[in-house]
Amino acid sequence: MARSAEAIIKPELLTWGRYSCGMPKSVAAQKIGVPIEKLLSWESGESRPTIKQLRKAANVYKQTFAAFFLQEAPEVFEPPVHDFRKLSPEEDGSLSPELILDIRTSLDRREIYLDLMHDFGENPLLFKSKTSVQEDPENVALRIRKFLKLTLGKQVGWKNNRIAFNNWRESVENTGILVFQATQVQLFEMRGYSVAKFPLPVIAVNRKDSYAGRTFSMIHELAHIMLRESSLCDLDQVQKPTSKSSRIEAFCNHVAGAVLVPREHLLSDPIVKEHSGTSWDEFEISSLSKAFCVSREVVLRRLLILGKTSREFYLQKRKDYKIELELIPKKSSGFVPPSTNVISATGKPYTRMVLDAFNSNRITTSDASDFLGVKLKHLGKISHAVGIE
C-alpha cells in the first residue's frame, strides 16, 4: 500500500494549533493517535505528518485544514474573559481544552451571525442597558424584568424549570444577546461565561447544570454584560466579598436572585407573610422554589438577603443540599437527536440566521453544515423545529 504523502507545512503551525486549544502534548498525541515522540518530532521540524495525520490534527485542534498551510502562525487564541471562579489552592486556574474550544466556538458563531446579518443588509439589535456595582441590585433587577418583558403572571404559569429556562433564554436573546449552551465542559470547571463585545454580546451556560441552575447562571452573566465585564464564573459565592472580583460576583448573584424572585412578590407570598422565625421547613422552601421556578438555594438566599432567615440556617441548608445532590445517582443524558442538540446548543436566533442564509443561497450546504455542526441530512428537521418550512 502506498504511503500517504507528507504535508509540507511549517512546524510552528502545529504548535500554534495545539496552543490555541490549550491542549497538553500527551493529550494531543493520544487524540491524534500517534506516540508523543512523533508529535514532538513534528513540532520541532524533525519530521512531518502525513496529509491524513494532518487532517486528524486539524479536527482535534478544531482548526481548518487550510490553516496549517499559512505562511506564518496566527496569534494564539486567548479567551477574552476575566476569571471570577473561586478556585481551590490545588487548582492552577488554567482552562481545559474543552472550555477554550467552547469560548472560541462561541466567538466564531458571533462573527458568523454578524457576517450573515451584514449580507442580509440588517443591523443587530443593540443592547444598551448598563449598571455599576454601586447601584442597588434590587433596582437593577426591576429594570431587567422590565426590559425582558417577563411578568410574574407569566412566570408562575410555567409548569417546570425546563419551560422556565427556555422562556428566560428567549427573553434574553430578544434583547440583542446570543445565548449558547456548552455541552462538553465539566460543571465543576464552569457554570457560565459572558463576552461583553458589542454589538451582540455572548452568554454561555453549562448544559450539564440543572435547568434552574442554568437560568440563574444566565441572569448572572446578563448582569456582567450590563457591567461591561466579560467573565468566567462558577457562582460559588458564600463568604462575604472582600476583593473587587468577589464584590462583582456578589453583586451579580444578588441581581440574578432579585430578578428571578422579586422582593415584593416574595414578601407578599402567603407562605412568607404567615411565617415567623428564621427557620423554614422543607415543604415551605420547596413550595416557594416551585412557585418561582428556581432552585431551593436561590429561595434561601433571597430569604437571607431580605432578613427572613439567618446566615447559620442558610449555610446549614446549603450544606444539606450539597450532600443530598452527591447522594443522587448520576443519570445518563441519553441520546439527543442532532436537531434538538443543535438548537439547544446554539439557540434559535443563530440557527434561524444560518438556515435563512442557506435557503436564500447566501451560503453553501457545506457552510450550513459547518456553521451548525451537523450533517446535511439533519437540516430539514432543524428547519421544522425552529419554524422554517
Protein backbone atom coordinates (compact mmCIF):
# COMPACT_ATOMS: atom_id res chain seq x y z
CA MET A 1 0.00 0.00 0.00
CA ALA A 2 1.36 3.43 -0.98
CA ARG A 3 2.47 5.62 1.91
CA SER A 4 0.42 8.80 2.38
CA ALA A 5 2.19 11.95 1.17
CA GLU A 6 3.80 14.24 3.73
CA ALA A 7 2.19 17.59 4.47
CA ILE A 8 4.63 20.35 3.51
CA ILE A 9 3.92 22.76 6.35
CA LYS A 10 5.85 24.86 8.82
CA PRO A 11 6.24 23.13 12.20
CA GLU A 12 5.24 26.23 14.15
CA LEU A 13 1.74 25.90 12.69
CA LEU A 14 1.32 22.60 14.52
CA THR A 15 2.43 24.18 17.78
CA TRP A 16 0.05 27.09 17.19
CA GLY A 17 -2.86 24.71 16.58
CA ARG A 18 -2.24 22.86 19.84
CA TYR A 19 -1.64 26.01 21.91
CA SER A 20 -4.82 27.62 20.53
CA CYS A 21 -6.95 24.98 22.21
CA GLY A 22 -4.81 24.68 25.34
CA MET A 23 -4.14 21.01 24.78
CA PRO A 24 -1.20 19.30 26.54
CA LYS A 25 1.19 17.35 24.30
CA SER A 26 0.25 13.99 25.76
CA VAL A 27 -3.47 14.59 25.24
CA ALA A 28 -2.95 15.87 21.70
CA ALA A 29 -0.84 12.87 20.74
CA GLN A 30 -3.42 10.47 22.15
CA LYS A 31 -6.32 12.14 20.31
CA ILE A 32 -4.40 12.27 17.02
CA GLY A 33 -3.37 8.65 17.50
CA VAL A 34 0.42 8.94 17.44
CA PRO A 35 3.17 8.49 20.08
CA ILE A 36 4.07 11.69 21.89
CA GLU A 37 7.60 11.39 20.45
CA LYS A 38 6.12 11.62 16.96
CA LEU A 39 4.16 14.77 17.86
CA LEU A 40 7.29 16.37 19.33
CA SER A 41 9.16 15.47 16.16
CA TRP A 42 6.53 17.25 14.05
CA GLU A 43 6.58 20.37 16.22
CA SER A 44 10.39 20.54 16.17
CA GLY A 45 10.52 20.14 12.39
CA GLU A 46 12.47 16.86 12.51
CA SER A 47 9.68 15.11 10.63
CA ARG A 48 6.31 15.93 9.05
CA PRO A 49 2.84 14.47 9.47
CA THR A 50 1.18 12.82 6.52
CA ILE A 51 -1.81 14.53 4.90
CA LYS A 52 -4.07 12.05 6.69
CA GLN A 53 -2.44 12.74 10.06
CA LEU A 54 -2.65 16.50 9.50
CA ARG A 55 -6.38 16.22 8.79
CA LYS A 56 -6.78 14.35 12.07
CA ALA A 57 -4.76 17.02 13.91
CA ALA A 58 -6.88 19.78 12.35
CA ASN A 59 -10.00 18.01 13.58
CA VAL A 60 -8.57 17.56 17.09
CA TYR A 61 -7.48 21.20 17.31
CA LYS A 62 -10.75 22.43 15.74
CA GLN A 63 -8.97 24.33 13.00
CA THR A 64 -9.47 24.26 9.25
CA PHE A 65 -7.12 22.01 7.30
CA ALA A 66 -6.07 25.01 5.18
CA ALA A 67 -4.97 26.97 8.28
CA PHE A 68 -1.89 24.75 8.62
CA PHE A 69 -0.61 25.86 5.22
CA LEU A 70 -0.38 29.55 6.16
CA GLN A 71 2.97 31.27 5.71
CA GLU A 72 3.13 32.16 9.40
CA ALA A 73 1.24 31.19 12.51
CA PRO A 74 -1.60 33.49 13.66
CA GLU A 75 -1.73 34.69 17.25
CA VAL A 76 -2.61 32.01 19.77
CA PHE A 77 -6.22 32.34 20.90
CA GLU A 78 -6.58 33.82 24.37
CA PRO A 79 -10.10 33.63 25.86
CA PRO A 80 -11.18 37.28 26.39
CA VAL A 81 -12.78 36.70 29.78
CA HIS A 82 -11.92 37.66 33.35
CA ASP A 83 -11.73 34.61 35.59
CA PHE A 84 -14.12 35.12 38.52
CA ARG A 85 -14.09 31.49 39.61
CA LYS A 86 -13.40 30.62 43.23
CA LEU A 87 -10.57 28.15 42.72
CA SER A 88 -9.16 25.88 45.39
CA PRO A 89 -5.45 26.18 46.32
CA GLU A 90 -4.68 23.00 44.35
CA GLU A 91 -6.03 24.45 41.09
CA ASP A 92 -3.75 26.49 38.87
CA GLY A 93 -6.53 28.40 37.13
CA SER A 94 -5.68 27.13 33.64
CA LEU A 95 -8.59 26.40 31.32
CA SER A 96 -9.26 22.96 29.89
CA PRO A 97 -9.07 22.42 26.12
CA GLU A 98 -12.84 21.83 26.15
CA LEU A 99 -13.52 25.22 27.75
CA ILE A 100 -11.08 27.09 25.49
CA LEU A 101 -12.65 25.48 22.42
CA ASP A 102 -16.14 26.33 23.65
CA ILE A 103 -15.28 30.01 24.12
CA ARG A 104 -13.58 30.07 20.73
CA THR A 105 -16.60 28.43 19.10
CA SER A 106 -18.97 30.92 20.72
CA LEU A 107 -16.95 33.84 19.35
CA ASP A 108 -16.81 32.20 15.91
CA ARG A 109 -20.61 31.87 15.94
CA ARG A 110 -20.92 35.53 16.89
CA GLU A 111 -18.77 36.53 13.91
CA ILE A 112 -20.77 34.26 11.60
CA TYR A 113 -24.03 35.78 12.82
CA LEU A 114 -22.75 39.34 12.29
CA ASP A 115 -21.41 38.49 8.81
CA LEU A 116 -24.71 36.93 7.77
CA MET A 117 -26.67 39.90 9.11
CA HIS A 118 -24.45 42.16 7.02
CA ASP A 119 -25.14 40.03 3.93
CA PHE A 120 -28.87 40.46 4.55
CA GLY A 121 -28.40 44.22 4.91
CA GLU A 122 -29.56 44.11 8.53
CA ASN A 123 -28.13 45.56 11.73
CA PRO A 124 -28.07 43.67 15.04
CA LEU A 125 -30.23 44.85 17.90
CA LEU A 126 -28.11 46.98 20.21
CA PHE A 127 -28.00 46.01 23.89
CA LYS A 128 -27.69 49.35 25.69
CA SER A 129 -28.58 48.69 29.32
CA LYS A 130 -25.76 49.36 31.79
CA THR A 131 -25.22 49.24 35.53
CA SER A 132 -22.46 49.55 38.14
CA VAL A 133 -21.75 47.77 41.41
CA GLN A 134 -22.70 50.99 43.21
CA GLU A 135 -26.32 50.63 42.06
CA ASP A 136 -28.84 48.88 44.29
CA PRO A 137 -29.12 45.29 42.95
CA GLU A 138 -32.85 45.26 43.70
CA ASN A 139 -33.37 48.27 41.42
CA VAL A 140 -31.21 46.70 38.71
CA ALA A 141 -33.39 43.60 38.91
CA LEU A 142 -36.55 45.64 38.40
CA ARG A 143 -35.05 47.23 35.28
CA ILE A 144 -34.03 43.82 33.93
CA ARG A 145 -37.51 42.36 34.40
CA LYS A 146 -38.92 45.40 32.63
CA PHE A 147 -36.74 45.16 29.52
CA LEU A 148 -37.07 41.37 29.41
CA LYS A 149 -40.86 41.90 29.42
CA LEU A 150 -41.48 38.99 31.76
CA THR A 151 -44.27 39.49 34.27
CA LEU A 152 -44.83 37.45 37.40
CA GLY A 153 -48.08 36.27 35.84
CA LYS A 154 -46.12 34.60 33.05
CA GLN A 155 -43.51 33.22 35.42
CA VAL A 156 -45.91 31.48 37.81
CA GLY A 157 -47.66 29.92 34.83
CA TRP A 158 -44.62 27.89 33.79
CA LYS A 159 -45.09 24.22 34.60
CA ASN A 160 -41.46 23.30 35.24
CA ASN A 161 -37.88 24.57 35.29
CA ARG A 162 -37.20 23.49 31.69
CA ILE A 163 -40.02 25.68 30.39
CA ALA A 164 -38.82 28.48 32.66
CA PHE A 165 -35.27 28.30 31.32
CA ASN A 166 -36.42 28.35 27.70
CA ASN A 167 -38.63 31.39 28.32
CA TRP A 168 -35.92 33.30 30.16
CA ARG A 169 -33.46 32.42 27.39
CA GLU A 170 -35.77 33.64 24.64
CA SER A 171 -36.34 36.90 26.52
CA VAL A 172 -32.59 37.48 26.92
CA GLU A 173 -31.97 36.66 23.24
CA ASN A 174 -34.63 39.19 22.24
CA THR A 175 -32.53 41.99 23.78
CA GLY A 176 -29.64 41.52 21.33
CA ILE A 177 -27.60 38.86 23.14
CA LEU A 178 -26.63 35.43 21.82
CA VAL A 179 -27.14 32.68 24.41
CA PHE A 180 -25.30 29.39 23.86
CA GLN A 181 -25.02 26.20 25.90
CA ALA A 182 -21.68 24.48 26.49
CA THR A 183 -22.04 20.73 26.03
CA GLN A 184 -18.52 19.37 26.60
CA VAL A 185 -17.29 21.39 29.59
CA GLN A 186 -17.41 19.83 33.06
CA LEU A 187 -19.71 21.60 35.51
CA PHE A 188 -17.04 21.86 38.21
CA GLU A 189 -14.97 24.00 35.82
CA MET A 190 -17.62 26.43 34.60
CA ARG A 191 -21.25 27.33 35.29
CA GLY A 192 -21.33 30.21 32.82
CA TYR A 193 -19.33 32.82 30.95
CA SER A 194 -20.02 36.01 29.05
CA VAL A 195 -18.20 38.07 26.45
CA ALA A 196 -19.11 41.76 26.57
CA LYS A 197 -18.42 42.57 22.92
CA PHE A 198 -20.81 44.99 21.25
CA PRO A 199 -22.90 44.66 19.24
CA LEU A 200 -24.09 41.16 20.02
CA PRO A 201 -22.55 40.16 23.35
CA VAL A 202 -22.45 36.44 24.21
CA ILE A 203 -23.64 34.44 27.20
CA ALA A 204 -22.96 30.72 27.61
CA VAL A 205 -24.28 28.39 30.29
CA ASN A 206 -23.34 24.80 31.01
CA ARG A 207 -25.83 22.21 29.75
CA LYS A 208 -24.62 19.77 32.40
CA ASP A 209 -26.22 22.02 35.01
CA SER A 210 -29.86 21.76 36.13
CA TYR A 211 -32.39 23.95 34.32
CA ALA A 212 -32.81 26.11 37.42
CA GLY A 213 -29.01 26.40 37.67
CA ARG A 214 -28.73 27.40 34.01
CA THR A 215 -31.39 30.08 34.41
CA PHE A 216 -29.59 31.61 37.40
CA SER A 217 -26.24 31.49 35.56
CA MET A 218 -27.76 33.19 32.51
CA ILE A 219 -29.17 36.11 34.50
CA HIS A 220 -25.93 36.32 36.50
CA GLU A 221 -23.99 36.65 33.23
CA LEU A 222 -26.54 39.20 31.99
CA ALA A 223 -25.56 41.34 34.97
CA HIS A 224 -21.90 41.00 33.89
CA ILE A 225 -22.85 42.18 30.39
CA MET A 226 -24.55 45.20 31.94
CA LEU A 227 -21.35 45.90 33.86
CA ARG A 228 -19.50 45.64 30.51
CA GLU A 229 -17.38 42.91 32.09
CA SER A 230 -16.51 39.70 30.21
CA SER A 231 -16.49 36.89 32.75
CA LEU A 232 -15.89 33.23 33.53
CA CYS A 233 -17.83 32.11 36.60
CA ASP A 234 -18.65 29.20 38.87
CA LEU A 235 -21.01 31.32 41.04
CA ASP A 236 -19.82 29.69 44.28
CA GLN A 237 -20.07 32.84 46.37
CA VAL A 238 -20.60 32.01 50.05
CA GLN A 239 -18.15 34.10 52.06
CA LYS A 240 -18.55 37.83 52.42
CA PRO A 241 -16.90 39.63 49.47
CA THR A 242 -13.51 41.13 50.25
CA SER A 243 -11.86 41.68 46.85
CA LYS A 244 -13.04 43.64 43.82
CA SER A 245 -13.74 40.41 41.92
CA SER A 246 -15.71 38.88 44.79
CA ARG A 247 -17.75 42.09 45.17
CA ILE A 248 -18.65 41.95 41.47
CA GLU A 249 -19.67 38.30 41.80
CA ALA A 250 -21.74 39.06 44.90
CA PHE A 251 -23.43 41.91 43.01
CA CYS A 252 -24.25 39.70 40.00
CA ASN A 253 -25.54 36.93 42.28
CA HIS A 254 -27.74 39.41 44.13
CA VAL A 255 -29.10 40.81 40.85
CA ALA A 256 -29.84 37.35 39.47
CA GLY A 257 -31.68 36.29 42.61
CA ALA A 258 -33.71 39.50 42.67
CA VAL A 259 -34.68 39.12 39.01
CA LEU A 260 -35.86 35.55 39.47
CA VAL A 261 -37.51 36.11 42.87
CA PRO A 262 -38.62 39.76 43.09
CA ARG A 263 -38.61 41.20 46.60
CA GLU A 264 -42.20 42.46 46.70
CA HIS A 265 -43.61 39.23 45.31
CA LEU A 266 -41.66 37.04 47.72
CA LEU A 267 -42.59 39.14 50.77
CA SER A 268 -46.26 39.16 49.75
CA ASP A 269 -46.42 35.41 49.20
CA PRO A 270 -48.77 33.83 51.79
CA ILE A 271 -46.10 31.34 52.87
CA VAL A 272 -43.72 34.18 53.73
CA LYS A 273 -46.34 36.53 55.17
CA GLU A 274 -47.64 33.91 57.59
CA HIS A 275 -44.19 32.68 58.62
CA SER A 276 -42.45 33.57 61.87
CA GLY A 277 -38.88 32.88 62.95
CA THR A 278 -35.73 32.31 60.94
CA SER A 279 -36.06 28.54 60.38
CA TRP A 280 -38.02 27.14 57.46
CA ASP A 281 -39.26 23.62 56.89
CA GLU A 282 -38.54 21.84 53.63
CA PHE A 283 -42.15 22.00 52.44
CA GLU A 284 -42.14 25.81 52.64
CA ILE A 285 -38.83 26.15 50.82
CA SER A 286 -39.82 23.67 48.10
CA SER A 287 -43.20 25.34 47.60
CA LEU A 288 -41.55 28.72 47.04
CA SER A 289 -38.97 27.10 44.77
CA LYS A 290 -41.69 25.61 42.57
CA ALA A 291 -43.74 28.80 42.55
CA PHE A 292 -40.86 30.88 41.15
CA CYS A 293 -39.26 28.04 39.10
CA VAL A 294 -35.90 28.45 40.84
CA SER A 295 -33.67 26.27 43.00
CA ARG A 296 -34.23 25.96 46.72
CA GLU A 297 -30.88 27.64 47.32
CA VAL A 298 -31.98 30.74 45.40
CA VAL A 299 -35.09 30.94 47.60
CA LEU A 300 -32.98 30.62 50.75
CA ARG A 301 -30.52 33.24 49.55
CA ARG A 302 -33.38 35.65 48.90
CA LEU A 303 -34.83 34.97 52.34
CA LEU A 304 -31.40 35.66 53.85
CA ILE A 305 -30.93 38.93 51.94
CA LEU A 306 -34.43 40.09 52.92
CA GLY A 307 -33.84 39.30 56.60
CA LYS A 308 -36.23 36.35 56.77
CA THR A 309 -33.66 33.75 57.81
CA SER A 310 -30.25 33.59 59.48
CA ARG A 311 -26.89 33.05 57.87
CA GLU A 312 -26.37 29.96 60.04
CA PHE A 313 -29.63 28.41 58.78
CA TYR A 314 -28.78 29.28 55.17
CA LEU A 315 -25.30 27.73 55.37
CA GLN A 316 -26.60 24.56 57.04
CA LYS A 317 -29.32 24.07 54.41
CA ARG A 318 -26.81 24.77 51.65
CA LYS A 319 -24.58 22.06 53.11
CA ASP A 320 -27.54 19.67 53.35
CA TYR A 321 -28.47 20.24 49.70
CA LYS A 322 -24.90 19.61 48.60
CA ILE A 323 -24.82 16.27 50.43
CA GLU A 324 -28.24 15.42 49.01
CA LEU A 325 -27.04 16.15 45.48
CA GLU A 326 -23.97 13.95 45.92
CA LEU A 327 -26.16 11.02 47.02
CA ILE A 328 -28.41 11.21 43.96
CA PRO A 329 -27.25 8.68 41.31
CA LYS A 330 -25.91 10.35 38.19
CA LYS A 331 -28.34 9.99 35.30
CA SER A 332 -27.17 9.34 31.77
CA SER A 333 -28.17 12.13 29.43
CA GLY A 334 -29.07 9.55 26.81
CA PHE A 335 -29.23 10.13 23.09
CA VAL A 336 -30.09 13.66 22.00
CA PRO A 337 -31.33 13.95 18.37
CA PRO A 338 -28.98 16.14 16.30
CA SER A 339 -31.77 18.60 15.50
CA THR A 340 -32.56 19.06 19.20
CA ASN A 341 -28.88 19.21 20.13
CA VAL A 342 -28.11 21.99 17.65
CA ILE A 343 -30.95 24.27 18.72
CA SER A 344 -30.20 23.62 22.39
CA ALA A 345 -26.51 24.46 21.98
CA THR A 346 -26.66 27.38 19.54
CA GLY A 347 -30.07 28.91 20.24
CA LYS A 348 -32.90 29.69 17.84
CA PRO A 349 -31.67 33.13 16.63
CA TYR A 350 -28.32 31.78 15.45
CA THR A 351 -29.88 28.62 13.98
CA ARG A 352 -32.52 30.60 12.08
CA MET A 353 -29.91 33.02 10.73
CA VAL A 354 -27.81 30.18 9.30
CA LEU A 355 -30.85 28.43 7.80
CA ASP A 356 -32.18 31.68 6.30
CA ALA A 357 -28.79 32.26 4.67
CA PHE A 358 -28.77 28.69 3.36
CA ASN A 359 -32.32 28.89 1.98
CA SER A 360 -31.54 32.18 0.20
CA ASN A 361 -28.36 30.70 -1.34
CA ARG A 362 -26.07 33.07 0.56
CA ILE A 363 -24.08 30.13 1.93
CA THR A 364 -23.41 26.64 0.63
CA THR A 365 -24.67 23.34 2.04
CA SER A 366 -21.15 22.75 3.32
CA ASP A 367 -21.18 26.13 5.10
CA ALA A 368 -24.58 25.44 6.69
CA SER A 369 -23.44 22.03 7.95
CA ASP A 370 -20.20 23.50 9.27
CA PHE A 371 -21.83 26.52 10.96
CA LEU A 372 -24.37 24.30 12.74
CA GLY A 373 -22.03 21.35 13.31
CA VAL A 374 -24.37 18.75 11.79
CA LYS A 375 -24.65 16.67 8.64
CA LEU A 376 -26.73 17.98 5.77
CA LYS A 377 -29.42 15.33 6.25
CA HIS A 378 -30.46 16.92 9.57
CA LEU A 379 -31.13 20.43 8.20
CA GLY A 380 -34.76 19.62 7.34
CA LYS A 381 -35.66 18.59 10.89
CA ILE A 382 -33.81 21.58 12.32
CA SER A 383 -35.69 23.92 9.99
CA HIS A 384 -39.01 22.44 11.05
CA ALA A 385 -38.08 22.70 14.74
CA VAL A 386 -37.39 26.45 14.50
CA GLY A 387 -40.44 27.14 12.37
CA ILE A 388 -38.80 27.40 8.94
CA GLU A 389 -40.55 25.33 6.26
